[in-house]
Amino acid sequence: MSWDISADGKTYTFNLRKGVRFHDGTPFNASAAKFSLERARSIKGGEYAVKVQQALDSIDVVDDYTIRLRLKAPAAYMSALLMQTAAAMISPSAIQKWGDAAFKDHPTGTGPFKYVSYTVGERIVYEKNKEYWGDPARVERLVFRIIPDTETRRLEIEKGNVDIIAPYMLEPSIALALKAKSEIAVEVGPGSNVRALYMNMDKKPFDSILVRKAIAHAIDRKSLVEKILMGFAVVANSPVCPNTPYHESNVAVYDYDPVRSKQLLAQAGYPNGFKTTMSTSTAKVFKDAALVIQANLKEIGIDVEIRTMELGALAGSLNAGEQEMLLMGRPWYADPYYQLDTYTLPGIPFPNWSHFRDEEVNNMIMTAAITPDSSTRARLYSDAQKQITEKVPSLQLWYTANIKVCRANVRNFYLSPENIGYYHATYKT
């Protein structure tokens, strides 16, 4: 497979790999690729679909193994967009057979493992795809057990009943407990996601930069990382992760200084503090972090009510702009546009959780997004990060670590920067 980008940055031509078939035997070709991408950009309400719709003008089949994407305008982030799992190739025949609603029960791609079964609340089973176009998988079966309880997950890997703890199910307390076990391998990689406290600038008193800076100085992020993340994270300053291109480290830093926080609150007209709310998800790490932040802000007179919600309800609340403060995060992407779009003007595309409206910063981000020249992009993204941290619509809290936990006899388990496990080459000795 190869691809080419036109000189004006508006046309991407892909020469597809020949001889590839989906798990149901359907040939993978340009028509199938177009079908998959058209479906990805048609999903209503999805952030990925919105981004693709904004960027993509047309998808054209040139011949059986050549597909051409025409963009509405140059988009330097397009390659990163096409790397996301939402752009995965899926069998048109399977969609036509099962329909969109039932496809989740019959997922059909081209990868090294084929879906076998899903037992609700118990397990998902895959088997080796013996028709895979590349190097074959090293194991015959891949079984994902669904174990919601933290302690049970720990016991199961200690007993050898499971070989790997999926990274998205891994809590720092488990990693810390298992690190001392000789039969368990714990590896920590560089941070991949940024977690932040967003302040809704449409709601008082967060329209005041003095209040926002007071909150920034009131939170002991170093202690939070040590106590809640148990060292499996790094204090964050920039809204762009360190392992993302164009990360800028030379930005405003808000050291823990409650005395300074009280001074800033008094200058803003809140010498006795105020009451507010903080929304977050039901994930344990967010709930625990919220309690630390609540205690920190209590010290400077800010009384915070924590509101935890399941992700669906939280998304609805955010879309309605109900949040006052929000403890949330943005995932890793291969281009900083997908972390900085949180600070573009509301609706371009979304989610601007701080309701931050700054034409200068917006123009920096949006110009960098369409500029192919890397030095120009570096300057624009650097300036945007500096402006965002200075105007503090949010306080960056921590960069998560990639924590890989498996039995010591597991080999070649790869954990990607976005914290997704890859099992193609994985095997046991």
Protein backbone atom coordinates (compact mmCIF):
# COMPACT_ATOMS: atom_id res chain seq x y z
CA MET A 1 0.00 0.00 0.00
CA SER A 2 1.14 3.53 -0.75
CA TRP A 3 -0.34 7.01 -0.90
CA ASP A 4 0.31 10.42 -2.35
CA ILE A 5 -0.74 13.91 -1.30
CA SER A 6 -1.17 16.59 -3.95
CA ALA A 7 0.92 19.76 -3.89
CA ASP A 8 -2.05 21.85 -2.76
CA GLY A 9 -2.76 19.42 0.11
CA LYS A 10 -6.36 18.85 -1.00
CA THR A 11 -6.15 15.45 -2.69
CA TYR A 12 -5.08 12.17 -1.11
CA THR A 13 -4.63 9.17 -3.45
CA PHE A 14 -4.31 5.69 -1.92
CA ASN A 15 -3.02 2.64 -3.79
CA LEU A 16 -4.52 -0.26 -1.86
CA ARG A 17 -2.96 -3.62 -1.05
CA LYS A 18 -4.12 -6.39 -3.40
CA GLY A 19 -5.11 -9.92 -2.41
CA VAL A 20 -6.77 -8.97 0.88
CA ARG A 21 -10.15 -10.39 1.91
CA PHE A 22 -12.51 -9.61 4.75
CA HIS A 23 -13.27 -12.35 7.27
CA ASP A 24 -16.44 -13.27 5.38
CA GLY A 25 -14.52 -13.73 2.11
CA THR A 26 -15.54 -10.40 0.56
CA PRO A 27 -12.64 -8.87 -1.42
CA PHE A 28 -11.09 -5.73 0.01
CA ASN A 29 -10.89 -3.17 -2.77
CA ALA A 30 -11.49 0.50 -3.51
CA SER A 31 -15.27 0.11 -3.42
CA ALA A 32 -15.08 -1.47 0.03
CA ALA A 33 -12.74 1.28 1.24
CA LYS A 34 -15.11 3.96 -0.02
CA PHE A 35 -18.04 2.20 1.66
CA SER A 36 -16.21 2.09 5.00
CA LEU A 37 -15.20 5.76 4.92
CA GLU A 38 -18.62 6.93 3.76
CA ARG A 39 -20.19 5.00 6.62
CA ALA A 40 -17.72 6.46 9.14
CA ARG A 41 -18.57 10.02 8.15
CA SER A 42 -22.31 9.41 8.14
CA ILE A 43 -22.64 8.34 11.79
CA LYS A 44 -24.77 10.96 13.46
CA GLY A 45 -23.47 12.75 16.54
CA GLY A 46 -20.04 11.15 16.53
CA GLU A 47 -17.04 13.43 16.97
CA TYR A 48 -15.11 11.50 14.34
CA ALA A 49 -17.92 11.84 11.81
CA VAL A 50 -18.12 15.59 12.43
CA LYS A 51 -14.41 16.02 11.79
CA VAL A 52 -14.52 13.94 8.60
CA GLN A 53 -17.61 15.77 7.35
CA GLN A 54 -15.88 19.10 7.88
CA ALA A 55 -12.73 18.05 6.05
CA LEU A 56 -13.88 15.72 3.29
CA ASP A 57 -15.52 16.81 0.07
CA SER A 58 -15.68 13.52 -1.85
CA ILE A 59 -14.43 9.94 -1.96
CA ASP A 60 -13.83 8.61 -5.47
CA VAL A 61 -13.01 5.13 -6.74
CA VAL A 62 -10.32 5.53 -9.43
CA ASP A 63 -9.98 1.82 -10.18
CA ASP A 64 -10.30 -1.47 -8.30
CA TYR A 65 -7.37 -0.71 -6.03
CA THR A 66 -7.10 3.07 -6.08
CA ILE A 67 -9.19 5.48 -4.05
CA ARG A 68 -9.01 9.28 -4.03
CA LEU A 69 -10.09 11.59 -1.22
CA ARG A 70 -10.75 15.22 -2.10
CA LEU A 71 -10.77 17.71 0.76
CA LYS A 72 -12.72 20.94 1.03
CA ALA A 73 -9.51 22.69 2.07
CA PRO A 74 -5.98 21.58 2.95
CA ALA A 75 -6.01 19.61 6.20
CA ALA A 76 -2.59 18.73 7.55
CA TYR A 77 -4.26 16.57 10.21
CA MET A 78 -5.99 14.30 7.68
CA SER A 79 -3.43 11.49 7.88
CA ALA A 80 -3.88 11.38 11.66
CA LEU A 81 -7.65 11.34 11.21
CA LEU A 82 -7.44 8.30 8.94
CA MET A 83 -5.35 6.47 11.56
CA GLN A 84 -8.23 6.40 14.04
CA THR A 85 -10.12 3.18 14.69
CA ALA A 86 -13.34 4.81 13.47
CA ALA A 87 -11.83 4.69 9.97
CA ALA A 88 -11.30 0.91 10.10
CA MET A 89 -12.24 -1.03 6.98
CA ILE A 90 -15.36 -3.18 7.35
CA SER A 91 -17.05 -5.63 5.03
CA PRO A 92 -19.85 -4.10 2.92
CA SER A 93 -21.36 -7.57 2.58
CA ALA A 94 -21.60 -7.96 6.36
CA ILE A 95 -23.33 -4.59 6.74
CA GLN A 96 -25.76 -5.49 3.97
CA LYS A 97 -26.44 -8.89 5.54
CA TRP A 98 -26.82 -7.85 9.17
CA GLY A 99 -27.64 -4.17 9.01
CA ASP A 100 -26.01 -1.38 11.00
CA ALA A 101 -27.75 -2.22 14.27
CA ALA A 102 -26.76 -5.90 14.29
CA PHE A 103 -23.26 -5.42 12.84
CA LYS A 104 -21.86 -5.04 16.36
CA ASP A 105 -22.76 -8.70 16.91
CA HIS A 106 -21.05 -9.72 13.64
CA PRO A 107 -17.98 -7.46 13.27
CA THR A 108 -16.14 -8.28 10.06
CA GLY A 109 -12.80 -6.73 9.16
CA THR A 110 -9.52 -7.83 7.56
CA GLY A 111 -7.33 -8.26 10.66
CA PRO A 112 -5.32 -11.20 12.03
CA PHE A 113 -8.16 -12.33 14.33
CA LYS A 114 -11.76 -13.19 13.46
CA TYR A 115 -14.71 -12.61 15.75
CA VAL A 116 -16.28 -15.82 17.13
CA SER A 117 -18.72 -14.94 19.91
CA TYR A 118 -19.77 -12.53 22.62
CA THR A 119 -21.32 -13.69 25.88
CA VAL A 120 -22.87 -10.63 27.48
CA GLY A 121 -21.10 -9.66 30.68
CA GLU A 122 -18.66 -12.57 30.42
CA ARG A 123 -16.36 -12.80 27.41
CA ILE A 124 -15.55 -11.99 23.78
CA VAL A 125 -13.82 -14.70 21.74
CA TYR A 126 -11.68 -14.34 18.61
CA GLU A 127 -9.84 -16.94 16.58
CA LYS A 128 -6.82 -16.77 14.34
CA ASN A 129 -7.58 -15.59 10.81
CA LYS A 130 -5.85 -18.23 8.71
CA GLU A 131 -6.47 -16.23 5.55
CA TYR A 132 -4.77 -13.10 6.89
CA TRP A 133 -2.71 -11.34 4.24
CA GLY A 134 0.29 -10.66 6.51
CA ASP A 135 2.25 -12.58 9.10
CA PRO A 136 -0.16 -14.91 10.92
CA ALA A 137 -1.15 -14.40 14.55
CA ARG A 138 1.00 -16.28 17.05
CA VAL A 139 -1.95 -17.70 19.06
CA GLU A 140 -4.99 -19.67 17.92
CA ARG A 141 -7.55 -17.97 20.15
CA LEU A 142 -7.89 -14.63 21.86
CA VAL A 143 -10.36 -14.39 24.74
CA PHE A 144 -11.32 -11.14 26.44
CA ARG A 145 -12.89 -11.82 29.82
CA ILE A 146 -15.14 -9.12 31.23
CA ILE A 147 -14.23 -8.63 34.89
CA PRO A 148 -15.66 -5.36 36.26
CA ASP A 149 -14.30 -5.74 39.79
CA THR A 150 -10.80 -4.33 40.35
CA GLU A 151 -9.78 -6.82 43.02
CA THR A 152 -11.02 -9.79 40.99
CA ARG A 153 -8.94 -8.67 38.01
CA ARG A 154 -5.86 -8.55 40.21
CA LEU A 155 -6.48 -12.02 41.67
CA GLU A 156 -7.15 -13.56 38.26
CA ILE A 157 -3.85 -12.44 36.78
CA GLU A 158 -1.98 -13.47 39.94
CA LYS A 159 -3.49 -16.97 39.69
CA GLY A 160 -2.62 -17.19 35.99
CA ASN A 161 -6.26 -17.37 34.91
CA VAL A 162 -5.71 -14.35 32.70
CA ASP A 163 -2.52 -13.31 30.92
CA ILE A 164 -3.02 -9.57 30.36
CA ILE A 165 -5.06 -6.85 32.01
CA ALA A 166 -6.51 -4.67 29.26
CA PRO A 167 -5.01 -1.17 29.69
CA TYR A 168 -8.38 0.60 29.70
CA MET A 169 -9.44 -1.59 32.66
CA LEU A 170 -6.27 -0.90 34.61
CA GLU A 171 -6.25 1.22 37.73
CA PRO A 172 -3.02 2.52 39.32
CA SER A 173 -3.70 0.57 42.52
CA ILE A 174 -3.60 -2.71 40.59
CA ALA A 175 -0.37 -1.83 38.80
CA LEU A 176 1.26 -0.83 42.08
CA ALA A 177 0.18 -4.05 43.82
CA LEU A 178 1.40 -6.22 40.96
CA LYS A 179 4.70 -4.46 40.35
CA ALA A 180 6.43 -6.40 43.13
CA LYS A 181 5.27 -9.81 41.83
CA SER A 182 8.00 -11.73 40.00
CA GLU A 183 5.45 -13.62 37.92
CA ILE A 184 3.92 -10.36 36.67
CA ALA A 185 5.55 -7.88 34.27
CA VAL A 186 4.61 -4.23 34.71
CA GLU A 187 5.95 -1.76 32.15
CA VAL A 188 5.26 1.98 32.14
CA GLY A 189 5.45 4.05 28.97
CA PRO A 190 5.22 7.79 28.32
CA GLY A 191 1.95 9.62 28.90
CA SER A 192 -0.63 9.47 26.15
CA ASN A 193 -3.72 11.33 27.38
CA VAL A 194 -4.20 14.68 29.09
CA ARG A 195 -6.62 15.17 31.99
CA ALA A 196 -7.78 18.66 32.86
CA LEU A 197 -10.17 20.73 34.94
CA TYR A 198 -12.28 22.81 32.55
CA MET A 199 -14.01 25.97 33.80
CA ASN A 200 -17.14 27.14 31.98
CA MET A 201 -16.41 30.77 31.14
CA ASP A 202 -20.07 31.38 30.32
CA LYS A 203 -20.88 30.97 34.01
CA LYS A 204 -19.82 33.30 36.79
CA PRO A 205 -17.37 33.50 38.41
CA PHE A 206 -15.36 31.60 35.81
CA ASP A 207 -15.58 34.52 33.40
CA SER A 208 -12.90 36.09 35.61
CA ILE A 209 -9.31 35.16 34.78
CA LEU A 210 -8.42 35.99 38.37
CA VAL A 211 -10.77 33.28 39.61
CA ARG A 212 -9.45 30.78 37.09
CA LYS A 213 -5.85 31.49 38.10
CA ALA A 214 -6.81 31.25 41.77
CA ILE A 215 -8.17 27.76 41.15
CA ALA A 216 -5.07 26.83 39.16
CA HIS A 217 -2.79 27.79 42.06
CA ALA A 218 -5.05 26.05 44.62
CA ILE A 219 -4.73 22.51 43.25
CA ASP A 220 -1.79 20.44 44.41
CA ARG A 221 -1.23 18.49 41.22
CA LYS A 222 2.00 16.89 42.38
CA SER A 223 0.23 15.42 45.41
CA LEU A 224 -2.71 14.35 43.24
CA VAL A 225 -0.42 12.43 40.88
CA GLU A 226 1.37 10.77 43.80
CA LYS A 227 -1.72 9.87 45.85
CA ILE A 228 -4.37 9.09 43.22
CA LEU A 229 -2.28 8.07 40.21
CA MET A 230 0.33 6.49 42.50
CA GLY A 231 3.12 7.86 40.37
CA PHE A 232 1.74 6.37 37.14
CA ALA A 233 1.30 9.82 35.59
CA VAL A 234 3.13 13.11 35.09
CA VAL A 235 1.97 16.58 36.12
CA ALA A 236 0.70 18.34 33.00
CA ASN A 237 1.16 21.93 31.93
CA SER A 238 0.44 22.10 28.20
CA PRO A 239 -2.87 20.93 26.67
CA VAL A 240 -0.85 18.91 24.14
CA CYS A 241 0.70 15.65 25.35
CA PRO A 242 4.51 15.38 25.34
CA ASN A 243 4.52 12.48 22.88
CA THR A 244 2.32 14.36 20.41
CA PRO A 245 4.06 16.38 17.66
CA TYR A 246 4.41 20.12 18.38
CA HIS A 247 4.11 19.79 22.16
CA GLU A 248 5.24 23.05 23.81
CA SER A 249 6.76 22.77 27.29
CA ASN A 250 7.61 26.46 27.73
CA VAL A 251 4.17 27.56 28.94
CA ALA A 252 2.69 29.25 32.00
CA VAL A 253 3.03 27.08 35.11
CA TYR A 254 0.69 27.28 38.10
CA ASP A 255 2.55 26.09 41.17
CA TYR A 256 0.59 25.01 44.23
CA ASP A 257 0.19 28.25 46.22
CA PRO A 258 -3.04 28.56 48.27
CA VAL A 259 -1.91 31.93 49.69
CA ARG A 260 -1.65 33.31 46.17
CA SER A 261 -5.04 31.73 45.36
CA LYS A 262 -6.73 33.60 48.23
CA GLN A 263 -5.15 36.87 47.09
CA LEU A 264 -6.44 36.36 43.55
CA LEU A 265 -9.94 35.50 44.81
CA ALA A 266 -9.99 38.69 46.88
CA GLN A 267 -8.88 40.72 43.87
CA ALA A 268 -11.69 39.13 41.84
CA GLY A 269 -14.26 40.16 44.48
CA TYR A 270 -14.62 36.78 46.20
CA PRO A 271 -12.69 37.16 49.47
CA ASN A 272 -14.90 34.53 51.12
CA GLY A 273 -14.93 32.17 48.15
CA PHE A 274 -18.10 30.83 46.54
CA LYS A 275 -20.11 27.67 45.87
CA THR A 276 -19.93 25.76 42.61
CA THR A 277 -20.22 22.28 41.07
CA MET A 278 -17.76 19.95 39.37
CA SER A 279 -19.00 17.34 36.90
CA THR A 280 -17.06 14.19 36.08
CA SER A 281 -17.54 10.57 35.06
CA THR A 282 -18.09 7.58 37.33
CA ALA A 283 -14.60 6.20 36.60
CA LYS A 284 -12.79 5.59 39.88
CA VAL A 285 -9.72 7.64 39.00
CA PHE A 286 -11.87 10.68 38.20
CA LYS A 287 -13.97 10.28 41.34
CA ASP A 288 -10.84 10.00 43.49
CA ALA A 289 -9.20 12.98 41.79
CA ALA A 290 -12.39 15.01 42.22
CA LEU A 291 -12.23 14.48 45.99
CA VAL A 292 -8.65 15.78 46.10
CA ILE A 293 -9.58 18.84 44.04
CA GLN A 294 -12.65 19.42 46.22
CA ALA A 295 -10.46 19.38 49.35
CA ASN A 296 -7.87 21.70 47.79
CA LEU A 297 -10.51 24.26 46.79
CA LYS A 298 -12.17 24.04 50.21
CA GLU A 299 -8.92 25.38 51.68
CA ILE A 300 -9.33 28.66 49.79
CA GLY A 301 -13.06 29.00 50.49
CA ILE A 302 -14.52 27.41 47.37
CA ASP A 303 -17.25 24.92 48.24
CA VAL A 304 -17.51 22.32 45.47
CA GLU A 305 -20.36 19.85 44.95
CA ILE A 306 -19.15 16.84 42.95
CA ARG A 307 -21.58 15.52 40.35
CA THR A 308 -20.64 12.12 38.91
CA MET A 309 -22.52 10.86 35.86
CA GLU A 310 -22.41 7.95 33.47
CA LEU A 311 -20.85 8.98 30.17
CA GLY A 312 -24.16 9.22 28.29
CA ALA A 313 -25.73 11.53 30.85
CA LEU A 314 -22.50 13.50 31.15
CA ALA A 315 -22.34 14.04 27.38
CA GLY A 316 -25.93 15.31 27.40
CA SER A 317 -25.15 17.71 30.23
CA LEU A 318 -22.06 19.00 28.43
CA ASN A 319 -23.90 19.47 25.16
CA ALA A 320 -26.45 21.56 27.06
CA GLY A 321 -23.65 23.62 28.63
CA GLU A 322 -24.79 22.80 32.16
CA GLN A 323 -21.33 22.21 33.66
CA GLU A 324 -19.65 24.79 35.86
CA MET A 325 -16.40 22.91 36.25
CA LEU A 326 -15.60 19.65 34.47
CA LEU A 327 -12.96 17.05 35.31
CA MET A 328 -12.36 15.21 32.06
CA GLY A 329 -9.70 14.34 29.53
CA ARG A 330 -8.79 14.24 25.89
CA PRO A 331 -7.24 11.16 24.28
CA TRP A 332 -3.96 10.93 22.40
CA TYR A 333 -4.00 11.63 18.69
CA ALA A 334 -1.15 11.76 16.20
CA ASP A 335 -1.83 15.45 15.55
CA PRO A 336 -2.26 18.23 18.16
CA TYR A 337 -5.33 19.57 16.37
CA TYR A 338 -7.39 16.88 18.09
CA GLN A 339 -6.33 18.06 21.55
CA LEU A 340 -6.40 21.77 20.80
CA ASP A 341 -9.81 21.70 19.10
CA THR A 342 -11.18 21.80 22.66
CA TYR A 343 -10.18 25.46 22.60
CA THR A 344 -11.52 26.49 19.20
CA LEU A 345 -14.68 28.53 18.99
CA PRO A 346 -17.73 26.55 20.18
CA GLY A 347 -19.04 24.34 17.41
CA ILE A 348 -15.74 24.30 15.46
CA PRO A 349 -16.05 21.38 15.76
CA PHE A 350 -16.53 20.47 19.45
CA PRO A 351 -16.17 19.95 22.38
CA ASN A 352 -15.25 23.37 23.80
CA TRP A 353 -15.95 22.42 27.40
CA SER A 354 -14.67 25.74 28.78
CA HIS A 355 -16.78 27.79 26.34
CA PHE A 356 -13.51 29.55 25.59
CA ARG A 357 -13.94 32.23 22.92
CA ASP A 358 -10.71 33.72 21.68
CA GLU A 359 -10.48 34.67 18.01
CA GLU A 360 -6.69 34.87 18.05
CA VAL A 361 -6.21 31.41 19.55
CA ASN A 362 -8.93 29.98 17.32
CA ASN A 363 -7.20 31.34 14.22
CA MET A 364 -3.84 29.94 15.33
CA ILE A 365 -5.28 26.45 15.76
CA MET A 366 -7.39 26.46 12.62
CA THR A 367 -4.57 27.89 10.48
CA ALA A 368 -2.12 25.30 11.81
CA ALA A 369 -4.65 22.58 11.01
CA ILE A 370 -4.59 23.40 7.29
CA THR A 371 -0.94 24.45 6.91
CA PRO A 372 1.34 21.78 5.40
CA ASP A 373 4.61 23.51 6.34
CA SER A 374 5.85 21.93 9.56
CA SER A 375 7.82 24.95 10.81
CA THR A 376 4.78 27.19 10.43
CA ARG A 377 2.61 24.64 12.20
CA ALA A 378 5.16 24.39 15.02
CA ARG A 379 5.11 28.16 15.56
CA LEU A 380 1.32 28.41 15.49
CA TYR A 381 0.75 25.45 17.80
CA SER A 382 3.42 26.73 20.18
CA ASP A 383 1.81 30.16 20.35
CA ALA A 384 -1.64 28.62 20.83
CA GLN A 385 -0.46 26.49 23.77
CA LYS A 386 1.18 29.50 25.40
CA GLN A 387 -1.95 31.61 25.00
CA ILE A 388 -4.24 28.87 26.33
CA THR A 389 -2.18 28.26 29.45
CA GLU A 390 -1.86 32.00 30.09
CA LYS A 391 -5.63 32.57 29.76
CA VAL A 392 -6.31 29.34 31.70
CA PRO A 393 -9.77 28.27 30.47
CA SER A 394 -8.71 24.95 31.95
CA LEU A 395 -6.01 23.66 34.25
CA GLN A 396 -4.02 20.77 32.83
CA LEU A 397 -3.73 18.20 35.61
CA TRP A 398 -1.82 15.13 34.46
CA TYR A 399 -0.62 13.16 31.49
CA THR A 400 -1.58 9.53 31.93
CA ALA A 401 1.04 6.82 31.66
CA ASN A 402 0.68 3.80 29.43
CA ILE A 403 0.78 0.90 31.89
CA LYS A 404 1.24 -2.60 30.52
CA VAL A 405 0.51 -5.46 32.92
CA CYS A 406 0.86 -9.09 31.86
CA ARG A 407 2.15 -12.44 33.04
CA ALA A 408 5.93 -12.64 32.81
CA ASN A 409 5.71 -15.35 30.12
CA VAL A 410 3.77 -13.12 27.70
CA ARG A 411 5.80 -11.86 24.74
CA ASN A 412 5.28 -9.11 22.14
CA PHE A 413 2.18 -7.49 23.60
CA TYR A 414 2.20 -3.99 22.12
CA LEU A 415 0.48 -1.02 23.73
CA SER A 416 -0.05 1.93 21.38
CA PRO A 417 0.20 5.60 22.41
CA GLU A 418 -3.59 5.81 22.51
CA ASN A 419 -3.55 3.00 25.08
CA ILE A 420 -4.91 0.31 22.77
CA GLY A 421 -3.50 -3.20 22.98
CA TYR A 422 -2.32 -5.04 19.85
CA TYR A 423 -2.18 -8.83 19.98
CA HIS A 424 -1.10 -9.82 16.46
CA ALA A 425 2.43 -10.88 17.48
CA THR A 426 1.62 -11.77 21.09
CA TYR A 427 2.36 -15.28 22.39
CA LYS A 428 3.27 -17.14 25.59
CA THR A 429 6.42 -19.07 26.41
